[in-house]
Structure formats: C-alpha cells, structure tokens
Amino acid sequence: MSGIDSHFSVLSLEVSKCSEEIKNYIEERSGEDPLVKGVPEDKNPFKEKGGCVIA
C-alpha cells in the first residue's frame, strides 16, 4: 500500500468535535490527576526525609 492510499484509509473527524471530547475527558478526570491536585505529603515518595542541619 502506498503512502497516499494509507492516508485515505484514516478516519477524519472535525477538530471542533475532537477538541470538545478531549476537553471533557480532561475535565472529568482532573480531580484524580496528581499533577492538577498535588500529591499528599504523607504519600510523596520524593519528599525529603530530613533537613540539612549546619552546626
């Protein structure tokens, strides 16, 4: 199959419809997203265990 033939076999959708679906998908799941709501301090594996003390 040539490149032109494979291009025409792809389903085309309207950008306005796709963008609305993507927006809804993101908004529905934003409450569970740690990048949006943050990670609780007690469950953060990257939290520093101790501080630096200069004596």
N, C-alpha and C. Protein backbone atom coordinates (compact mmCIF):
# COMPACT_ATOMS: atom_id res chain seq x y z
N MET A 1 0.86 -1.17 0.00
CA MET A 1 0.00 0.00 0.00
C MET A 1 0.90 1.23 0.00
N SER A 2 0.63 2.14 -0.85
CA SER A 2 1.45 3.36 -0.92
C SER A 2 1.03 4.33 0.18
N GLY A 3 1.84 5.38 0.38
CA GLY A 3 1.56 6.38 1.40
C GLY A 3 0.25 7.09 1.17
N ILE A 4 -0.10 7.35 -0.08
CA ILE A 4 -1.34 8.06 -0.39
C ILE A 4 -2.54 7.19 -0.06
N ASP A 5 -2.48 5.91 -0.38
CA ASP A 5 -3.59 5.01 -0.09
C ASP A 5 -3.81 4.88 1.41
N SER A 6 -2.76 4.79 2.19
CA SER A 6 -2.92 4.65 3.64
C SER A 6 -3.47 5.94 4.24
N HIS A 7 -3.16 7.08 3.65
CA HIS A 7 -3.67 8.36 4.15
C HIS A 7 -5.19 8.42 4.02
N PHE A 8 -5.72 7.92 2.94
CA PHE A 8 -7.16 8.00 2.72
C PHE A 8 -7.94 6.98 3.54
N SER A 9 -7.27 5.98 4.08
CA SER A 9 -7.97 4.99 4.88
C SER A 9 -8.14 5.45 6.33
N VAL A 10 -7.54 6.56 6.72
CA VAL A 10 -7.64 7.10 8.08
C VAL A 10 -8.97 7.83 8.23
N LEU A 11 -9.63 7.57 9.33
CA LEU A 11 -10.91 8.23 9.61
C LEU A 11 -10.67 9.70 9.95
N SER A 12 -11.38 10.58 9.29
CA SER A 12 -11.24 12.02 9.54
C SER A 12 -12.39 12.50 10.42
N LEU A 13 -12.05 13.28 11.43
CA LEU A 13 -13.04 13.84 12.34
C LEU A 13 -12.86 15.35 12.39
N GLU A 14 -13.94 16.05 12.70
CA GLU A 14 -13.87 17.51 12.81
C GLU A 14 -13.07 17.89 14.05
N VAL A 15 -12.21 18.89 13.90
CA VAL A 15 -11.37 19.33 15.00
C VAL A 15 -12.24 19.84 16.16
N SER A 16 -13.30 20.55 15.86
CA SER A 16 -14.15 21.09 16.92
C SER A 16 -14.77 19.97 17.77
N LYS A 17 -15.15 18.88 17.13
CA LYS A 17 -15.73 17.75 17.88
C LYS A 17 -14.67 17.04 18.70
N CYS A 18 -13.51 16.81 18.11
CA CYS A 18 -12.44 16.14 18.82
C CYS A 18 -11.95 16.96 20.01
N SER A 19 -11.79 18.26 19.82
CA SER A 19 -11.30 19.11 20.90
C SER A 19 -12.30 19.16 22.06
N GLU A 20 -13.57 19.15 21.75
CA GLU A 20 -14.59 19.15 22.80
C GLU A 20 -14.54 17.84 23.59
N GLU A 21 -14.36 16.72 22.91
CA GLU A 21 -14.26 15.42 23.58
C GLU A 21 -13.01 15.35 24.46
N ILE A 22 -11.90 15.86 23.97
CA ILE A 22 -10.66 15.87 24.74
C ILE A 22 -10.82 16.75 25.98
N LYS A 23 -11.43 17.92 25.81
CA LYS A 23 -11.66 18.84 26.93
C LYS A 23 -12.52 18.17 28.00
N ASN A 24 -13.59 17.51 27.59
CA ASN A 24 -14.47 16.83 28.54
C ASN A 24 -13.74 15.70 29.26
N TYR A 25 -12.93 14.93 28.53
CA TYR A 25 -12.17 13.83 29.12
C TYR A 25 -11.23 14.36 30.20
N ILE A 26 -10.53 15.44 29.90
CA ILE A 26 -9.58 16.01 30.86
C ILE A 26 -10.31 16.56 32.08
N GLU A 27 -11.40 17.27 31.87
CA GLU A 27 -12.14 17.86 32.99
C GLU A 27 -12.76 16.80 33.89
N GLU A 28 -13.22 15.69 33.32
CA GLU A 28 -13.81 14.61 34.12
C GLU A 28 -12.78 13.95 35.03
N ARG A 29 -11.53 13.88 34.60
CA ARG A 29 -10.50 13.18 35.35
C ARG A 29 -9.55 14.10 36.11
N SER A 30 -9.77 15.39 36.06
CA SER A 30 -8.83 16.32 36.69
C SER A 30 -8.79 16.17 38.21
N GLY A 31 -9.86 15.73 38.83
CA GLY A 31 -9.87 15.53 40.28
C GLY A 31 -8.97 14.40 40.73
N GLU A 32 -8.67 13.45 39.86
CA GLU A 32 -7.82 12.32 40.20
C GLU A 32 -6.37 12.54 39.77
N ASP A 33 -6.10 13.61 39.06
CA ASP A 33 -4.79 13.85 38.47
C ASP A 33 -3.84 14.48 39.50
N PRO A 34 -2.76 13.77 39.86
CA PRO A 34 -1.83 14.34 40.85
C PRO A 34 -1.10 15.58 40.35
N LEU A 35 -1.01 15.77 39.03
CA LEU A 35 -0.38 16.98 38.51
C LEU A 35 -1.27 18.20 38.70
N VAL A 36 -2.58 17.98 38.81
CA VAL A 36 -3.53 19.08 39.00
C VAL A 36 -3.76 19.35 40.48
N LYS A 37 -4.04 18.29 41.25
CA LYS A 37 -4.39 18.50 42.66
C LYS A 37 -3.23 18.32 43.62
N GLY A 38 -2.12 17.78 43.15
CA GLY A 38 -0.95 17.61 44.01
C GLY A 38 -0.95 16.24 44.69
N VAL A 39 0.18 15.91 45.27
CA VAL A 39 0.35 14.63 45.97
C VAL A 39 0.33 14.92 47.46
N PRO A 40 -0.43 14.14 48.23
CA PRO A 40 -0.42 14.35 49.69
C PRO A 40 0.99 14.18 50.25
N GLU A 41 1.33 14.99 51.23
CA GLU A 41 2.67 14.96 51.82
C GLU A 41 3.05 13.57 52.32
N ASP A 42 2.10 12.85 52.94
CA ASP A 42 2.43 11.54 53.51
C ASP A 42 2.60 10.45 52.44
N LYS A 43 2.18 10.70 51.22
CA LYS A 43 2.30 9.70 50.15
C LYS A 43 3.31 10.10 49.08
N ASN A 44 4.03 11.17 49.30
CA ASN A 44 5.00 11.66 48.34
C ASN A 44 6.33 10.91 48.52
N PRO A 45 6.69 10.04 47.55
CA PRO A 45 7.93 9.27 47.71
C PRO A 45 9.19 10.14 47.54
N PHE A 46 9.05 11.34 47.02
CA PHE A 46 10.20 12.20 46.78
C PHE A 46 10.41 13.25 47.87
N LYS A 47 9.57 13.22 48.89
CA LYS A 47 9.69 14.17 49.99
C LYS A 47 10.99 13.88 50.75
N GLU A 48 11.71 14.93 51.07
CA GLU A 48 12.95 14.76 51.81
C GLU A 48 12.64 14.23 53.21
N LYS A 49 13.42 13.23 53.61
CA LYS A 49 13.19 12.60 54.91
C LYS A 49 13.66 13.48 56.06
N GLY A 50 14.72 14.19 55.87
CA GLY A 50 15.23 15.04 56.93
C GLY A 50 15.78 16.33 56.33
N GLY A 51 15.99 17.26 57.15
CA GLY A 51 16.52 18.53 56.69
C GLY A 51 18.03 18.60 56.85
N CYS A 52 18.60 19.61 56.33
CA CYS A 52 20.03 19.85 56.43
C CYS A 52 20.28 20.71 57.67
N VAL A 53 21.18 20.26 58.53
CA VAL A 53 21.50 20.99 59.75
C VAL A 53 22.95 21.43 59.66
N ILE A 54 23.17 22.71 59.78
CA ILE A 54 24.53 23.25 59.79
C ILE A 54 24.87 23.64 61.22
N ALA A 55 25.92 23.03 61.73
CA ALA A 55 26.29 23.30 63.13
C ALA A 55 27.52 24.16 63.22
